Amino acid sequence: MSIAVNIYYTGTNGNARKFAEEMIAKGIVDRVRAEEGNERYEYFFPMGDAETVLLVDCWENQEALDFHHKTQMMQEIAELRNKYHLKMKVEKFTRL
């Protein structure tokens, strides 16, 4: 059973896109993708909302997701989220 998490990052003045770009530039995205159990970690940009970025984050199971949440990367992600003053909306789905 896989888990899919959609995270909508919303800000102002293009900050959500800047956040995603810095996540990539700092190598955080590549490190998350390399984690055991990660199936997908990809950003999308909604056509109707220039101030939002959608992250599709998929994991093999809850244990892999829980381990990811305990990594140093989560602190780095939180710091960037705060730097860009982003709000988050999270949706979690279980895939059979």
C-alpha atoms as a PDB file:
ATOM      1  CA  MET A   1       0.000   0.000   0.000  1.00  0.00           C
ATOM      2  CA  SER A   2       1.534   3.318  -1.122  1.00  0.00           C
ATOM      3  CA  ILE A   3       0.936   6.767   0.286  1.00  0.00           C
ATOM      4  CA  ALA A   4       0.546   9.916  -1.796  1.00  0.00           C
ATOM      5  CA  VAL A   5       0.769  13.333  -0.195  1.00  0.00           C
ATOM      6  CA  ASN A   6      -0.191  16.493  -2.069  1.00  0.00           C
ATOM      7  CA  ILE A   7       1.235  19.628  -0.496  1.00  0.00           C
ATOM      8  CA  TYR A   8       0.089  22.999  -1.782  1.00  0.00           C
ATOM      9  CA  TYR A   9       2.583  25.759  -0.938  1.00  0.00           C
ATOM     10  CA  THR A  10       1.060  29.226  -1.313  1.00  0.00           C
ATOM     11  CA  GLY A  11       2.726  32.594  -0.910  1.00  0.00           C
ATOM     12  CA  THR A  12       2.985  36.002  -2.540  1.00  0.00           C
ATOM     13  CA  ASN A  13       5.293  37.684  -5.039  1.00  0.00           C
ATOM     14  CA  GLY A  14       6.324  34.380  -6.622  1.00  0.00           C
ATOM     15  CA  ASN A  15       7.691  33.009  -3.343  1.00  0.00           C
ATOM     16  CA  ALA A  16       6.214  29.529  -3.787  1.00  0.00           C
ATOM     17  CA  ARG A  17       8.089  29.086  -7.067  1.00  0.00           C
ATOM     18  CA  LYS A  18      11.267  30.543  -5.516  1.00  0.00           C
ATOM     19  CA  PHE A  19      10.927  28.013  -2.693  1.00  0.00           C
ATOM     20  CA  ALA A  20      10.700  25.112  -5.168  1.00  0.00           C
ATOM     21  CA  GLU A  21      13.642  26.460  -7.151  1.00  0.00           C
ATOM     22  CA  GLU A  22      15.790  26.746  -4.008  1.00  0.00           C
ATOM     23  CA  MET A  23      14.766  23.236  -2.916  1.00  0.00           C
ATOM     24  CA  ILE A  24      16.142  21.979  -6.231  1.00  0.00           C
ATOM     25  CA  ALA A  25      19.241  24.217  -6.221  1.00  0.00           C
ATOM     26  CA  LYS A  26      20.237  23.130  -2.699  1.00  0.00           C
ATOM     27  CA  GLY A  27      19.923  19.464  -3.660  1.00  0.00           C
ATOM     28  CA  ILE A  28      17.188  18.774  -1.115  1.00  0.00           C
ATOM     29  CA  VAL A  29      14.863  17.408  -3.787  1.00  0.00           C
ATOM     30  CA  ASP A  30      17.500  14.958  -5.027  1.00  0.00           C
ATOM     31  CA  ARG A  31      18.210  13.812  -1.462  1.00  0.00           C
ATOM     32  CA  VAL A  32      14.517  13.168  -0.788  1.00  0.00           C
ATOM     33  CA  ARG A  33      14.195  11.247  -4.060  1.00  0.00           C
ATOM     34  CA  ALA A  34      17.177   9.104  -3.034  1.00  0.00           C
ATOM     35  CA  GLU A  35      15.608   8.114   0.286  1.00  0.00           C
ATOM     36  CA  GLU A  36      14.558   4.508   0.653  1.00  0.00           C
ATOM     37  CA  GLY A  37      10.836   4.211   0.037  1.00  0.00           C
ATOM     38  CA  ASN A  38      10.403   7.420  -1.955  1.00  0.00           C
ATOM     39  CA  GLU A  39       8.452   6.819  -5.145  1.00  0.00           C
ATOM     40  CA  ARG A  40       7.930  10.389  -6.338  1.00  0.00           C
ATOM     41  CA  TYR A  41       8.816  13.920  -5.298  1.00  0.00           C
ATOM     42  CA  GLU A  42       7.792  16.390  -7.963  1.00  0.00           C
ATOM     43  CA  TYR A  43       6.602  19.986  -8.194  1.00  0.00           C
ATOM     44  CA  PHE A  44       3.749  21.221 -10.375  1.00  0.00           C
ATOM     45  CA  PHE A  45       2.533  24.749 -11.052  1.00  0.00           C
ATOM     46  CA  PRO A  46      -1.271  25.229 -11.267  1.00  0.00           C
ATOM     47  CA  MET A  47      -2.231  27.197 -14.360  1.00  0.00           C
ATOM     48  CA  GLY A  48      -4.878  29.233 -12.575  1.00  0.00           C
ATOM     49  CA  ASP A  49      -2.823  30.183  -9.498  1.00  0.00           C
ATOM     50  CA  ALA A  50       0.612  31.737 -10.011  1.00  0.00           C
ATOM     51  CA  GLU A  51       1.188  31.943  -6.238  1.00  0.00           C
ATOM     52  CA  THR A  52       0.848  28.207  -5.534  1.00  0.00           C
ATOM     53  CA  VAL A  53       3.135  25.244  -6.101  1.00  0.00           C
ATOM     54  CA  LEU A  54       1.897  21.661  -5.757  1.00  0.00           C
ATOM     55  CA  LEU A  55       4.288  19.017  -4.454  1.00  0.00           C
ATOM     56  CA  VAL A  56       3.309  15.410  -5.193  1.00  0.00           C
ATOM     57  CA  ASP A  57       5.178  13.279  -2.652  1.00  0.00           C
ATOM     58  CA  CYS A  58       4.721   9.476  -2.796  1.00  0.00           C
ATOM     59  CA  TRP A  59       6.084   6.795  -0.470  1.00  0.00           C
ATOM     60  CA  GLU A  60       6.042   2.993  -0.420  1.00  0.00           C
ATOM     61  CA  ASN A  61       4.523   2.873   3.069  1.00  0.00           C
ATOM     62  CA  GLN A  62       3.887   4.833   6.267  1.00  0.00           C
ATOM     63  CA  GLU A  63       7.195   3.704   7.792  1.00  0.00           C
ATOM     64  CA  ALA A  64       9.193   5.279   4.950  1.00  0.00           C
ATOM     65  CA  LEU A  65       7.199   8.508   5.278  1.00  0.00           C
ATOM     66  CA  ASP A  66       7.670   8.547   9.062  1.00  0.00           C
ATOM     67  CA  PHE A  67      11.427   8.054   8.647  1.00  0.00           C
ATOM     68  CA  HIS A  68      11.545  10.934   6.148  1.00  0.00           C
ATOM     69  CA  HIS A  69       9.743  13.191   8.636  1.00  0.00           C
ATOM     70  CA  LYS A  70      12.516  12.551  11.186  1.00  0.00           C
ATOM     71  CA  THR A  71      15.397  13.495   8.866  1.00  0.00           C
ATOM     72  CA  GLN A  72      17.445  16.689   8.939  1.00  0.00           C
ATOM     73  CA  MET A  73      15.939  17.534   5.555  1.00  0.00           C
ATOM     74  CA  MET A  74      12.630  18.307   7.232  1.00  0.00           C
ATOM     75  CA  GLN A  75      14.325  21.070   9.230  1.00  0.00           C
ATOM     76  CA  GLU A  76      15.872  22.452   6.035  1.00  0.00           C
ATOM     77  CA  ILE A  77      12.489  22.380   4.305  1.00  0.00           C
ATOM     78  CA  ALA A  78      10.817  24.134   7.262  1.00  0.00           C
ATOM     79  CA  GLU A  79      13.492  26.844   7.237  1.00  0.00           C
ATOM     80  CA  LEU A  80      12.952  27.491   3.528  1.00  0.00           C
ATOM     81  CA  ARG A  81       9.175  27.484   3.983  1.00  0.00           C
ATOM     82  CA  ASN A  82       9.584  30.124   6.701  1.00  0.00           C
ATOM     83  CA  LYS A  83      12.067  32.117   4.605  1.00  0.00           C
ATOM     84  CA  TYR A  84       9.467  32.441   1.844  1.00  0.00           C
ATOM     85  CA  HIS A  85       6.497  32.912   4.236  1.00  0.00           C
ATOM     86  CA  LEU A  86       4.503  30.061   2.726  1.00  0.00           C
ATOM     87  CA  LYS A  87       1.232  28.549   3.864  1.00  0.00           C
ATOM     88  CA  MET A  88       0.610  24.838   3.402  1.00  0.00           C
ATOM     89  CA  LYS A  89      -2.429  22.743   2.605  1.00  0.00           C
ATOM     90  CA  VAL A  90      -1.867  18.974   2.854  1.00  0.00           C
ATOM     91  CA  GLU A  91      -3.900  16.113   1.381  1.00  0.00           C
ATOM     92  CA  LYS A  92      -2.938  12.509   2.111  1.00  0.00           C
ATOM     93  CA  PHE A  93      -4.126   9.508   0.096  1.00  0.00           C
ATOM     94  CA  THR A  94      -3.569   5.781   0.450  1.00  0.00           C
ATOM     95  CA  ARG A  95      -3.104   3.919  -2.813  1.00  0.00           C
ATOM     96  CA  LEU A  96      -3.928   0.234  -2.947  1.00  0.00           C
END
